[in-house]
């Protein structure tokens, strides 16, 4: 059966796309999966995306009654793993955990070997959650308003760390710079751990990081939490205001993880995957595991996830353009 074409995924209204998807939902791909499925994580083991992938892999394995292997292919801001999956056989046996970075990279990198819109068949969103705005403990700012005032008073001198070029930790701070009228300087690292280490040590002033990575250090008094970046307050830090509440109206940034397959993957396989993920993400224990990391489990049907991806690509392209963000 033919897979999702780029025109199907991006060029027709959502309602029509949903109808096409639902008409194919009854078809079953009897032979799939008859061998292990590989879930490619384009980042090192132990990070937030890897943790999400391992929870999903276990749940999918149970739902599909087949082994699901997590394969970490880190490097180039998530692009190495994405390129590998884009070039894999479209048979449902090699899948990618896509992230906010794969929407950002479309406009940030000029030499991509894949196209997030055309190279993949969207399956579902998995998780989404805000970032935490954390600073070194001795930074003389106690909230977002005082942070903005401090950064404006020292143009080009304050620094923000990130887990790497093109990550949500990079562009969320770049968007903050644009909206707040500040000029904090980007310092990219190879992952959240070394970036947070330098913030705690005072070598870097601030970081917009995942709740999972940063909150243990906040609770231990090694980092100062000023705000979270979601539309509403985080259940993991309910007493902490959002950036929008605390002094920058209209600001919102989230980190998300989703599942995509190579373009051309049979519709019946995508339908089966989508249904299995709906089962996995609706389980209370899975939702609790993600909530403990500052994420919310979020299933989406393929057409809705296709629209979500397109909106994210467009949103971050605007941020890249207006902020002047580059790959350092």
C-alpha atoms as a PDB file:
ATOM      1  CA  UNK A   1       0.000   0.000   0.000  1.00  0.00           C
ATOM      2  CA  UNK A   2       1.314   3.473  -0.737  1.00  0.00           C
ATOM      3  CA  UNK A   3       2.773   5.484   2.115  1.00  0.00           C
ATOM      4  CA  UNK A   4       2.184   9.107   3.031  1.00  0.00           C
ATOM      5  CA  UNK A   5       3.393  11.421   0.270  1.00  0.00           C
ATOM      6  CA  UNK A   6       4.605  14.961   1.080  1.00  0.00           C
ATOM      7  CA  UNK A   7       1.513  16.385  -0.636  1.00  0.00           C
ATOM      8  CA  UNK A   8      -0.736  14.198   1.535  1.00  0.00           C
ATOM      9  CA  UNK A   9       0.946  15.248   4.719  1.00  0.00           C
ATOM     10  CA  UNK A  10       1.361  18.939   4.178  1.00  0.00           C
ATOM     11  CA  UNK A  11      -0.715  20.170   1.254  1.00  0.00           C
ATOM     12  CA  UNK A  12      -4.366  19.389   2.067  1.00  0.00           C
ATOM     13  CA  UNK A  13      -6.626  20.611   4.866  1.00  0.00           C
ATOM     14  CA  UNK A  14      -6.461  18.791   8.181  1.00  0.00           C
ATOM     15  CA  UNK A  15     -10.089  17.638   7.983  1.00  0.00           C
ATOM     16  CA  UNK A  16      -9.489  15.978   4.625  1.00  0.00           C
ATOM     17  CA  UNK A  17      -6.239  14.460   5.879  1.00  0.00           C
ATOM     18  CA  UNK A  18      -8.036  13.034   8.888  1.00  0.00           C
ATOM     19  CA  UNK A  19     -10.635  11.457   6.588  1.00  0.00           C
ATOM     20  CA  UNK A  20      -7.972   9.853   4.415  1.00  0.00           C
ATOM     21  CA  UNK A  21      -6.190   8.522   7.491  1.00  0.00           C
ATOM     22  CA  UNK A  22      -9.371   7.140   9.037  1.00  0.00           C
ATOM     23  CA  UNK A  23     -10.347   5.348   5.818  1.00  0.00           C
ATOM     24  CA  UNK A  24      -7.047   3.491   5.925  1.00  0.00           C
ATOM     25  CA  UNK A  25      -7.308   2.646   9.591  1.00  0.00           C
ATOM     26  CA  UNK A  26      -9.098  -0.628   8.987  1.00  0.00           C
ATOM     27  CA  UNK A  27      -6.371  -2.057   6.827  1.00  0.00           C
ATOM     28  CA  UNK A  28      -3.962  -4.380   8.616  1.00  0.00           C
ATOM     29  CA  UNK A  29      -0.418  -5.178   7.617  1.00  0.00           C
ATOM     30  CA  UNK A  30      -0.462  -8.825   8.619  1.00  0.00           C
ATOM     31  CA  UNK A  31       3.289  -9.401   8.419  1.00  0.00           C
ATOM     32  CA  UNK A  32       4.310  -6.401  10.504  1.00  0.00           C
ATOM     33  CA  UNK A  33       6.080  -6.587  12.891  1.00  0.00           C
ATOM     34  CA  UNK A  34       7.564 -10.041  12.479  1.00  0.00           C
ATOM     35  CA  UNK A  35      11.034  -9.031  13.702  1.00  0.00           C
ATOM     36  CA  UNK A  36      12.487  -6.443  16.131  1.00  0.00           C
ATOM     37  CA  UNK A  37      11.775  -2.759  15.563  1.00  0.00           C
ATOM     38  CA  UNK A  38      14.566  -0.202  16.040  1.00  0.00           C
ATOM     39  CA  UNK A  39      13.847   3.142  17.692  1.00  0.00           C
ATOM     40  CA  UNK A  40      16.640   5.569  16.800  1.00  0.00           C
ATOM     41  CA  UNK A  41      17.423   8.210  19.420  1.00  0.00           C
ATOM     42  CA  UNK A  42      19.588  10.958  17.872  1.00  0.00           C
ATOM     43  CA  UNK A  43      21.178  11.837  21.227  1.00  0.00           C
ATOM     44  CA  UNK A  44      23.425  10.114  23.801  1.00  0.00           C
ATOM     45  CA  UNK A  45      22.050   7.696  26.415  1.00  0.00           C
ATOM     46  CA  UNK A  46      20.742   9.140  29.667  1.00  0.00           C
ATOM     47  CA  UNK A  47      19.295  12.416  28.403  1.00  0.00           C
ATOM     48  CA  UNK A  48      15.625  13.432  28.396  1.00  0.00           C
ATOM     49  CA  UNK A  49      14.920  12.148  24.866  1.00  0.00           C
ATOM     50  CA  UNK A  50      16.626   8.837  25.598  1.00  0.00           C
ATOM     51  CA  UNK A  51      14.560   8.398  28.772  1.00  0.00           C
ATOM     52  CA  UNK A  52      11.331   9.081  26.876  1.00  0.00           C
ATOM     53  CA  UNK A  53      12.389   6.649  24.140  1.00  0.00           C
ATOM     54  CA  UNK A  54      13.044   3.825  26.581  1.00  0.00           C
ATOM     55  CA  UNK A  55       9.643   4.214  28.223  1.00  0.00           C
ATOM     56  CA  UNK A  56       7.989   4.257  24.787  1.00  0.00           C
ATOM     57  CA  UNK A  57      10.062   1.287  23.562  1.00  0.00           C
ATOM     58  CA  UNK A  58       8.962  -0.854  26.478  1.00  0.00           C
ATOM     59  CA  UNK A  59       5.321   0.094  25.989  1.00  0.00           C
ATOM     60  CA  UNK A  60       5.422  -0.425  22.223  1.00  0.00           C
ATOM     61  CA  UNK A  61       7.108  -3.785  22.680  1.00  0.00           C
ATOM     62  CA  UNK A  62       4.267  -4.915  24.922  1.00  0.00           C
ATOM     63  CA  UNK A  63       1.578  -3.506  22.614  1.00  0.00           C
ATOM     64  CA  UNK A  64       3.088  -4.937  19.414  1.00  0.00           C
ATOM     65  CA  UNK A  65       4.282  -8.166  21.043  1.00  0.00           C
ATOM     66  CA  UNK A  66       7.676  -7.642  19.491  1.00  0.00           C
ATOM     67  CA  UNK A  67      11.094  -6.478  20.693  1.00  0.00           C
ATOM     68  CA  UNK A  68      11.719  -2.737  20.297  1.00  0.00           C
ATOM     69  CA  UNK A  69      15.412  -1.804  20.396  1.00  0.00           C
ATOM     70  CA  UNK A  70      16.684   1.669  21.334  1.00  0.00           C
ATOM     71  CA  UNK A  71      19.645   2.692  19.154  1.00  0.00           C
ATOM     72  CA  UNK A  72      21.461   5.899  20.153  1.00  0.00           C
ATOM     73  CA  UNK A  73      22.939   7.682  17.111  1.00  0.00           C
ATOM     74  CA  UNK A  74      24.092  11.006  18.514  1.00  0.00           C
ATOM     75  CA  UNK A  75      25.735  13.937  16.800  1.00  0.00           C
ATOM     76  CA  UNK A  76      25.274  17.122  14.780  1.00  0.00           C
ATOM     77  CA  UNK A  77      22.364  18.413  16.818  1.00  0.00           C
ATOM     78  CA  UNK A  78      20.239  15.335  16.160  1.00  0.00           C
ATOM     79  CA  UNK A  79      20.951  15.333  12.435  1.00  0.00           C
ATOM     80  CA  UNK A  80      23.022  12.137  12.259  1.00  0.00           C
ATOM     81  CA  UNK A  81      20.246   9.949  13.639  1.00  0.00           C
ATOM     82  CA  UNK A  82      17.619  11.740  11.567  1.00  0.00           C
ATOM     83  CA  UNK A  83      19.631  11.244   8.373  1.00  0.00           C
ATOM     84  CA  UNK A  84      20.032   7.541   9.138  1.00  0.00           C
ATOM     85  CA  UNK A  85      16.287   7.023   9.518  1.00  0.00           C
ATOM     86  CA  UNK A  86      15.449   9.170   6.483  1.00  0.00           C
ATOM     87  CA  UNK A  87      17.609   6.830   4.375  1.00  0.00           C
ATOM     88  CA  UNK A  88      16.295   3.605   5.942  1.00  0.00           C
ATOM     89  CA  UNK A  89      13.883   1.241   4.252  1.00  0.00           C
ATOM     90  CA  UNK A  90      10.284   2.473   4.674  1.00  0.00           C
ATOM     91  CA  UNK A  91       9.080  -0.792   6.176  1.00  0.00           C
ATOM     92  CA  UNK A  92       8.260   0.183   9.764  1.00  0.00           C
ATOM     93  CA  UNK A  93      11.341  -1.420  11.295  1.00  0.00           C
ATOM     94  CA  UNK A  94      13.432   1.747  11.719  1.00  0.00           C
ATOM     95  CA  UNK A  95      11.793   4.715  13.458  1.00  0.00           C
ATOM     96  CA  UNK A  96      13.045   8.064  14.771  1.00  0.00           C
ATOM     97  CA  UNK A  97      12.383   9.912  17.997  1.00  0.00           C
ATOM     98  CA  UNK A  98      12.116  13.427  16.588  1.00  0.00           C
ATOM     99  CA  UNK A  99      12.381  16.497  18.809  1.00  0.00           C
ATOM    100  CA  UNK A 100      11.961  20.260  18.739  1.00  0.00           C
ATOM    101  CA  UNK A 101      15.452  20.391  17.215  1.00  0.00           C
ATOM    102  CA  UNK A 102      14.257  18.701  14.039  1.00  0.00           C
ATOM    103  CA  UNK A 103      11.817  21.549  13.485  1.00  0.00           C
ATOM    104  CA  UNK A 104      14.484  24.143  14.326  1.00  0.00           C
ATOM    105  CA  UNK A 105      17.209  22.559  12.182  1.00  0.00           C
ATOM    106  CA  UNK A 106      15.197  23.074   9.002  1.00  0.00           C
ATOM    107  CA  UNK A 107      16.045  26.783   9.088  1.00  0.00           C
ATOM    108  CA  UNK A 108      19.190  26.809  11.246  1.00  0.00           C
ATOM    109  CA  UNK A 109      21.345  24.396   9.224  1.00  0.00           C
ATOM    110  CA  UNK A 110      22.006  25.103   5.544  1.00  0.00           C
ATOM    111  CA  UNK A 111      23.419  21.686   4.607  1.00  0.00           C
ATOM    112  CA  UNK A 112      20.827  19.214   5.887  1.00  0.00           C
ATOM    113  CA  UNK A 113      20.715  15.878   4.082  1.00  0.00           C
ATOM    114  CA  UNK A 114      17.038  15.349   4.932  1.00  0.00           C
ATOM    115  CA  UNK A 115      13.857  17.410   4.988  1.00  0.00           C
ATOM    116  CA  UNK A 116      11.688  17.100   8.099  1.00  0.00           C
ATOM    117  CA  UNK A 117       8.566  17.686   6.003  1.00  0.00           C
ATOM    118  CA  UNK A 118       9.403  15.382   3.087  1.00  0.00           C
ATOM    119  CA  UNK A 119      11.703  12.686   4.456  1.00  0.00           C
ATOM    120  CA  UNK A 120       9.439  11.372   7.202  1.00  0.00           C
ATOM    121  CA  UNK A 121       5.922  10.089   7.763  1.00  0.00           C
ATOM    122  CA  UNK A 122       4.562  11.565  11.018  1.00  0.00           C
ATOM    123  CA  UNK A 123       3.174   9.027  13.494  1.00  0.00           C
ATOM    124  CA  UNK A 124       2.431  10.841  16.766  1.00  0.00           C
ATOM    125  CA  UNK A 125       3.572  13.357  19.293  1.00  0.00           C
ATOM    126  CA  UNK A 126       4.843  11.591  22.426  1.00  0.00           C
ATOM    127  CA  UNK A 127       5.572  14.203  25.082  1.00  0.00           C
ATOM    128  CA  UNK A 128       5.776  17.935  25.534  1.00  0.00           C
ATOM    129  CA  UNK A 129       6.798  20.137  28.413  1.00  0.00           C
ATOM    130  CA  UNK A 130       8.229  23.507  29.380  1.00  0.00           C
ATOM    131  CA  UNK A 131      11.838  24.386  29.995  1.00  0.00           C
ATOM    132  CA  UNK A 132      13.162  25.780  33.265  1.00  0.00           C
ATOM    133  CA  UNK A 133      14.942  29.144  33.318  1.00  0.00           C
ATOM    134  CA  UNK A 134      17.811  28.540  35.738  1.00  0.00           C
ATOM    135  CA  UNK A 135      20.759  30.707  36.755  1.00  0.00           C
ATOM    136  CA  UNK A 136      23.925  30.426  38.743  1.00  0.00           C
ATOM    137  CA  UNK A 137      23.038  30.763  42.446  1.00  0.00           C
ATOM    138  CA  UNK A 138      24.839  34.091  42.916  1.00  0.00           C
ATOM    139  CA  UNK A 139      23.392  35.869  39.875  1.00  0.00           C
ATOM    140  CA  UNK A 140      21.800  39.100  41.166  1.00  0.00           C
ATOM    141  CA  UNK A 141      18.406  38.398  39.596  1.00  0.00           C
ATOM    142  CA  UNK A 142      15.465  36.955  41.482  1.00  0.00           C
ATOM    143  CA  UNK A 143      12.826  36.888  38.766  1.00  0.00           C
ATOM    144  CA  UNK A 144      12.370  37.424  35.019  1.00  0.00           C
ATOM    145  CA  UNK A 145      11.888  41.185  35.322  1.00  0.00           C
ATOM    146  CA  UNK A 146      15.154  41.626  37.223  1.00  0.00           C
ATOM    147  CA  UNK A 147      16.932  39.234  34.831  1.00  0.00           C
ATOM    148  CA  UNK A 148      15.870  41.373  31.875  1.00  0.00           C
ATOM    149  CA  UNK A 149      16.992  44.549  33.656  1.00  0.00           C
ATOM    150  CA  UNK A 150      20.358  42.992  34.496  1.00  0.00           C
ATOM    151  CA  UNK A 151      20.944  41.748  30.937  1.00  0.00           C
ATOM    152  CA  UNK A 152      19.975  45.117  29.416  1.00  0.00           C
ATOM    153  CA  UNK A 153      22.422  46.857  31.737  1.00  0.00           C
ATOM    154  CA  UNK A 154      25.259  44.606  30.483  1.00  0.00           C
ATOM    155  CA  UNK A 155      24.735  44.313  26.723  1.00  0.00           C
ATOM    156  CA  UNK A 156      26.700  41.453  25.187  1.00  0.00           C
ATOM    157  CA  UNK A 157      28.237  40.399  28.494  1.00  0.00           C
ATOM    158  CA  UNK A 158      25.818  37.889  30.016  1.00  0.00           C
ATOM    159  CA  UNK A 159      25.923  34.334  28.647  1.00  0.00           C
ATOM    160  CA  UNK A 160      23.451  31.506  28.255  1.00  0.00           C
ATOM    161  CA  UNK A 161      24.409  27.864  27.866  1.00  0.00           C
ATOM    162  CA  UNK A 162      22.625  25.265  25.765  1.00  0.00           C
ATOM    163  CA  UNK A 163      22.778  21.530  25.187  1.00  0.00           C
ATOM    164  CA  UNK A 164      23.898  22.227  21.618  1.00  0.00           C
ATOM    165  CA  UNK A 165      23.253  24.244  18.491  1.00  0.00           C
ATOM    166  CA  UNK A 166      19.676  23.983  17.275  1.00  0.00           C
ATOM    167  CA  UNK A 167      18.275  22.479  20.450  1.00  0.00           C
ATOM    168  CA  UNK A 168      15.235  23.912  22.217  1.00  0.00           C
ATOM    169  CA  UNK A 169      17.647  25.034  24.945  1.00  0.00           C
ATOM    170  CA  UNK A 170      19.369  27.242  22.346  1.00  0.00           C
ATOM    171  CA  UNK A 171      16.448  28.757  20.434  1.00  0.00           C
ATOM    172  CA  UNK A 172      14.198  29.299  23.460  1.00  0.00           C
ATOM    173  CA  UNK A 173      16.872  31.601  24.889  1.00  0.00           C
ATOM    174  CA  UNK A 174      17.400  33.236  21.488  1.00  0.00           C
ATOM    175  CA  UNK A 175      13.671  33.956  21.345  1.00  0.00           C
ATOM    176  CA  UNK A 176      13.883  35.402  24.873  1.00  0.00           C
ATOM    177  CA  UNK A 177      16.667  37.741  23.698  1.00  0.00           C
ATOM    178  CA  UNK A 178      14.488  39.025  20.848  1.00  0.00           C
ATOM    179  CA  UNK A 179      11.358  39.520  22.931  1.00  0.00           C
ATOM    180  CA  UNK A 180      13.150  41.007  25.948  1.00  0.00           C
ATOM    181  CA  UNK A 181      15.510  43.249  23.990  1.00  0.00           C
ATOM    182  CA  UNK A 182      18.578  41.618  25.542  1.00  0.00           C
ATOM    183  CA  UNK A 183      21.847  40.477  23.952  1.00  0.00           C
ATOM    184  CA  UNK A 184      22.955  37.506  26.041  1.00  0.00           C
ATOM    185  CA  UNK A 185      25.641  35.456  24.255  1.00  0.00           C
ATOM    186  CA  UNK A 186      25.094  31.809  23.323  1.00  0.00           C
ATOM    187  CA  UNK A 187      27.579  29.196  24.591  1.00  0.00           C
ATOM    188  CA  UNK A 188      26.787  25.729  23.124  1.00  0.00           C
ATOM    189  CA  UNK A 189      27.789  22.511  24.892  1.00  0.00           C
ATOM    190  CA  UNK A 190      27.627  18.828  24.034  1.00  0.00           C
ATOM    191  CA  UNK A 191      24.604  18.038  26.161  1.00  0.00           C
ATOM    192  CA  UNK A 192      22.811  19.475  29.164  1.00  0.00           C
ATOM    193  CA  UNK A 193      25.129  18.006  31.794  1.00  0.00           C
ATOM    194  CA  UNK A 194      28.271  20.023  30.932  1.00  0.00           C
ATOM    195  CA  UNK A 195      26.192  23.145  30.299  1.00  0.00           C
ATOM    196  CA  UNK A 196      24.535  22.923  33.699  1.00  0.00           C
ATOM    197  CA  UNK A 197      27.891  22.218  35.338  1.00  0.00           C
ATOM    198  CA  UNK A 198      29.223  25.522  34.018  1.00  0.00           C
ATOM    199  CA  UNK A 199      26.123  27.418  35.126  1.00  0.00           C
ATOM    200  CA  UNK A 200      26.478  25.954  38.623  1.00  0.00           C
ATOM    201  CA  UNK A 201      30.179  26.795  38.581  1.00  0.00           C
ATOM    202  CA  UNK A 202      29.593  30.377  37.494  1.00  0.00           C
ATOM    203  CA  UNK A 203      31.282  30.103  34.087  1.00  0.00           C
ATOM    204  CA  UNK A 204      27.910  30.674  32.390  1.00  0.00           C
ATOM    205  CA  UNK A 205      25.106  32.867  33.728  1.00  0.00           C
ATOM    206  CA  UNK A 206      21.860  31.223  32.685  1.00  0.00           C
ATOM    207  CA  UNK A 207      20.282  28.288  30.895  1.00  0.00           C
ATOM    208  CA  UNK A 208      16.867  27.359  29.544  1.00  0.00           C
ATOM    209  CA  UNK A 209      16.908  23.615  30.219  1.00  0.00           C
ATOM    210  CA  UNK A 210      14.541  20.675  30.524  1.00  0.00           C
ATOM    211  CA  UNK A 211      12.842  20.158  33.854  1.00  0.00           C
ATOM    212  CA  UNK A 212      14.258  16.640  34.023  1.00  0.00           C
ATOM    213  CA  UNK A 213      17.873  17.789  33.854  1.00  0.00           C
ATOM    214  CA  UNK A 214      17.696  20.951  35.920  1.00  0.00           C
ATOM    215  CA  UNK A 215      15.177  20.394  38.721  1.00  0.00           C
ATOM    216  CA  UNK A 216      17.347  18.056  40.838  1.00  0.00           C
ATOM    217  CA  UNK A 217      19.976  20.835  41.021  1.00  0.00           C
ATOM    218  CA  UNK A 218      17.316  23.425  41.818  1.00  0.00           C
ATOM    219  CA  UNK A 219      16.083  21.281  44.690  1.00  0.00           C
ATOM    220  CA  UNK A 220      19.667  20.820  45.852  1.00  0.00           C
ATOM    221  CA  UNK A 221      20.270  24.568  45.930  1.00  0.00           C
ATOM    222  CA  UNK A 222      22.901  24.483  43.181  1.00  0.00           C
ATOM    223  CA  UNK A 223      20.759  26.372  40.658  1.00  0.00           C
ATOM    224  CA  UNK A 224      18.234  29.174  41.021  1.00  0.00           C
ATOM    225  CA  UNK A 225      14.889  28.706  39.245  1.00  0.00           C
ATOM    226  CA  UNK A 226      13.318  31.920  37.949  1.00  0.00           C
ATOM    227  CA  UNK A 227      10.480  30.689  35.735  1.00  0.00           C
ATOM    228  CA  UNK A 228       9.217  27.989  33.399  1.00  0.00           C
ATOM    229  CA  UNK A 229       8.552  28.538  29.710  1.00  0.00           C
ATOM    230  CA  UNK A 230       5.142  26.956  29.095  1.00  0.00           C
ATOM    231  CA  UNK A 231       1.779  28.562  28.512  1.00  0.00           C
ATOM    232  CA  UNK A 232       0.711  27.473  32.001  1.00  0.00           C
ATOM    233  CA  UNK A 233       2.637  26.619  35.144  1.00  0.00           C
ATOM    234  CA  UNK A 234       4.360  23.257  35.318  1.00  0.00           C
ATOM    235  CA  UNK A 235       3.003  20.565  37.605  1.00  0.00           C
ATOM    236  CA  UNK A 236       6.635  19.843  38.495  1.00  0.00           C
ATOM    237  CA  UNK A 237       7.037  23.416  39.855  1.00  0.00           C
ATOM    238  CA  UNK A 238       3.519  24.741  40.522  1.00  0.00           C
ATOM    239  CA  UNK A 239       4.709  27.671  42.649  1.00  0.00           C
ATOM    240  CA  UNK A 240       7.012  28.985  39.922  1.00  0.00           C
ATOM    241  CA  UNK A 241       5.541  31.489  37.448  1.00  0.00           C
ATOM    242  CA  UNK A 242       5.825  31.206  33.707  1.00  0.00           C
ATOM    243  CA  UNK A 243       8.081  33.596  31.799  1.00  0.00           C
ATOM    244  CA  UNK A 244       4.945  35.277  30.430  1.00  0.00           C
ATOM    245  CA  UNK A 245       3.516  35.746  33.932  1.00  0.00           C
ATOM    246  CA  UNK A 246       6.786  36.994  35.341  1.00  0.00           C
ATOM    247  CA  UNK A 247       7.560  39.826  32.970  1.00  0.00           C
ATOM    248  CA  UNK A 248       7.548  38.841  29.297  1.00  0.00           C
ATOM    249  CA  UNK A 249       3.941  38.566  28.046  1.00  0.00           C
ATOM    250  CA  UNK A 250       3.417  36.325  25.033  1.00  0.00           C
ATOM    251  CA  UNK A 251       6.555  34.244  25.556  1.00  0.00           C
ATOM    252  CA  UNK A 252       6.103  30.481  25.278  1.00  0.00           C
ATOM    253  CA  UNK A 253       8.498  27.652  24.447  1.00  0.00           C
ATOM    254  CA  UNK A 254       8.139  23.919  24.870  1.00  0.00           C
ATOM    255  CA  UNK A 255      10.370  20.917  24.336  1.00  0.00           C
ATOM    256  CA  UNK A 256       8.690  17.948  22.672  1.00  0.00           C
ATOM    257  CA  UNK A 257       9.397  14.432  21.464  1.00  0.00           C
ATOM    258  CA  UNK A 258       7.538  12.644  18.677  1.00  0.00           C
ATOM    259  CA  UNK A 259       7.726   9.524  16.552  1.00  0.00           C
ATOM    260  CA  UNK A 260       8.276   9.528  12.785  1.00  0.00           C
ATOM    261  CA  UNK A 261       8.991   6.839  10.198  1.00  0.00           C
ATOM    262  CA  UNK A 262      10.748   7.079   6.832  1.00  0.00           C
ATOM    263  CA  UNK A 263       8.600   8.590   4.086  1.00  0.00           C
ATOM    264  CA  UNK A 264       6.837   5.883   2.113  1.00  0.00           C
ATOM    265  CA  UNK A 265       6.145   3.644   5.103  1.00  0.00           C
ATOM    266  CA  UNK A 266       2.873   1.761   4.401  1.00  0.00           C
ATOM    267  CA  UNK A 267      -0.200   3.488   5.768  1.00  0.00           C
ATOM    268  CA  UNK A 268      -1.329   0.277   7.472  1.00  0.00           C
ATOM    269  CA  UNK A 269       1.931   0.146   9.450  1.00  0.00           C
ATOM    270  CA  UNK A 270       1.579   3.798  10.472  1.00  0.00           C
ATOM    271  CA  UNK A 271      -2.001   3.148  11.556  1.00  0.00           C
ATOM    272  CA  UNK A 272      -0.925   0.179  13.664  1.00  0.00           C
ATOM    273  CA  UNK A 273       1.889   2.186  15.209  1.00  0.00           C
ATOM    274  CA  UNK A 274      -0.428   5.096  15.964  1.00  0.00           C
ATOM    275  CA  UNK A 275      -2.962   2.848  17.661  1.00  0.00           C
ATOM    276  CA  UNK A 276      -0.254   1.150  19.729  1.00  0.00           C
ATOM    277  CA  UNK A 277       1.112   4.527  20.839  1.00  0.00           C
ATOM    278  CA  UNK A 278      -2.367   5.674  21.841  1.00  0.00           C
ATOM    279  CA  UNK A 279      -2.563   2.639  24.101  1.00  0.00           C
ATOM    280  CA  UNK A 280       0.898   3.215  25.561  1.00  0.00           C
ATOM    281  CA  UNK A 281       0.515   6.954  26.197  1.00  0.00           C
ATOM    282  CA  UNK A 282      -2.870   6.522  27.872  1.00  0.00           C
ATOM    283  CA  UNK A 283      -1.490   4.223  30.569  1.00  0.00           C
ATOM    284  CA  UNK A 284      -1.404   5.891  34.012  1.00  0.00           C
ATOM    285  CA  UNK A 285       2.057   4.527  34.848  1.00  0.00           C
ATOM    286  CA  UNK A 286       3.514   5.934  31.629  1.00  0.00           C
ATOM    287  CA  UNK A 287       1.858   9.295  32.251  1.00  0.00           C
ATOM    288  CA  UNK A 288       3.250   9.321  35.796  1.00  0.00           C
ATOM    289  CA  UNK A 289       6.781   8.554  34.584  1.00  0.00           C
ATOM    290  CA  UNK A 290       6.657  11.438  32.137  1.00  0.00           C
ATOM    291  CA  UNK A 291       5.052  13.811  34.638  1.00  0.00           C
ATOM    292  CA  UNK A 292       7.919  13.151  37.047  1.00  0.00           C
ATOM    293  CA  UNK A 293      10.256  14.430  34.307  1.00  0.00           C
ATOM    294  CA  UNK A 294       8.196  17.562  33.655  1.00  0.00           C
ATOM    295  CA  UNK A 295       6.596  16.160  30.494  1.00  0.00           C
ATOM    296  CA  UNK A 296       2.979  15.466  29.575  1.00  0.00           C
ATOM    297  CA  UNK A 297       2.148  12.405  27.481  1.00  0.00           C
ATOM    298  CA  UNK A 298       0.385  13.566  24.298  1.00  0.00           C
ATOM    299  CA  UNK A 299      -0.907  11.273  21.576  1.00  0.00           C
ATOM    300  CA  UNK A 300      -1.834  12.711  18.172  1.00  0.00           C
ATOM    301  CA  UNK A 301      -3.251  11.030  15.074  1.00  0.00           C
ATOM    302  CA  UNK A 302      -0.822  11.228  12.101  1.00  0.00           C
ATOM    303  CA  UNK A 303      -2.629  14.101  10.321  1.00  0.00           C
ATOM    304  CA  UNK A 304      -2.725  16.200  13.488  1.00  0.00           C
ATOM    305  CA  UNK A 305       0.951  15.515  14.165  1.00  0.00           C
ATOM    306  CA  UNK A 306       1.796  16.480  10.582  1.00  0.00           C
ATOM    307  CA  UNK A 307       0.108  19.839  11.139  1.00  0.00           C
ATOM    308  CA  UNK A 308       1.884  20.246  14.488  1.00  0.00           C
ATOM    309  CA  UNK A 309       5.278  19.625  12.861  1.00  0.00           C
ATOM    310  CA  UNK A 310       4.573  22.105  10.098  1.00  0.00           C
ATOM    311  CA  UNK A 311       3.541  24.758  12.615  1.00  0.00           C
ATOM    312  CA  UNK A 312       6.692  24.138  14.671  1.00  0.00           C
ATOM    313  CA  UNK A 313       8.939  24.431  11.600  1.00  0.00           C
ATOM    314  CA  UNK A 314       7.320  27.743  10.710  1.00  0.00           C
ATOM    315  CA  UNK A 315       7.476  29.078  14.278  1.00  0.00           C
ATOM    316  CA  UNK A 316      11.161  28.343  14.774  1.00  0.00           C
ATOM    317  CA  UNK A 317      12.084  29.596  11.298  1.00  0.00           C
ATOM    318  CA  UNK A 318      10.761  32.975  12.397  1.00  0.00           C
ATOM    319  CA  UNK A 319      12.792  32.818  15.615  1.00  0.00           C
ATOM    320  CA  UNK A 320      15.961  31.884  13.723  1.00  0.00           C
ATOM    321  CA  UNK A 321      15.450  34.783  11.319  1.00  0.00           C
ATOM    322  CA  UNK A 322      14.573  37.440  13.875  1.00  0.00           C
ATOM    323  CA  UNK A 323      17.230  36.400  16.388  1.00  0.00           C
ATOM    324  CA  UNK A 324      19.994  35.941  13.862  1.00  0.00           C
ATOM    325  CA  UNK A 325      20.800  32.586  15.468  1.00  0.00           C
ATOM    326  CA  UNK A 326      23.587  30.656  13.781  1.00  0.00           C
ATOM    327  CA  UNK A 327      25.411  27.365  14.234  1.00  0.00           C
ATOM    328  CA  UNK A 328      28.442  28.314  16.345  1.00  0.00           C
END
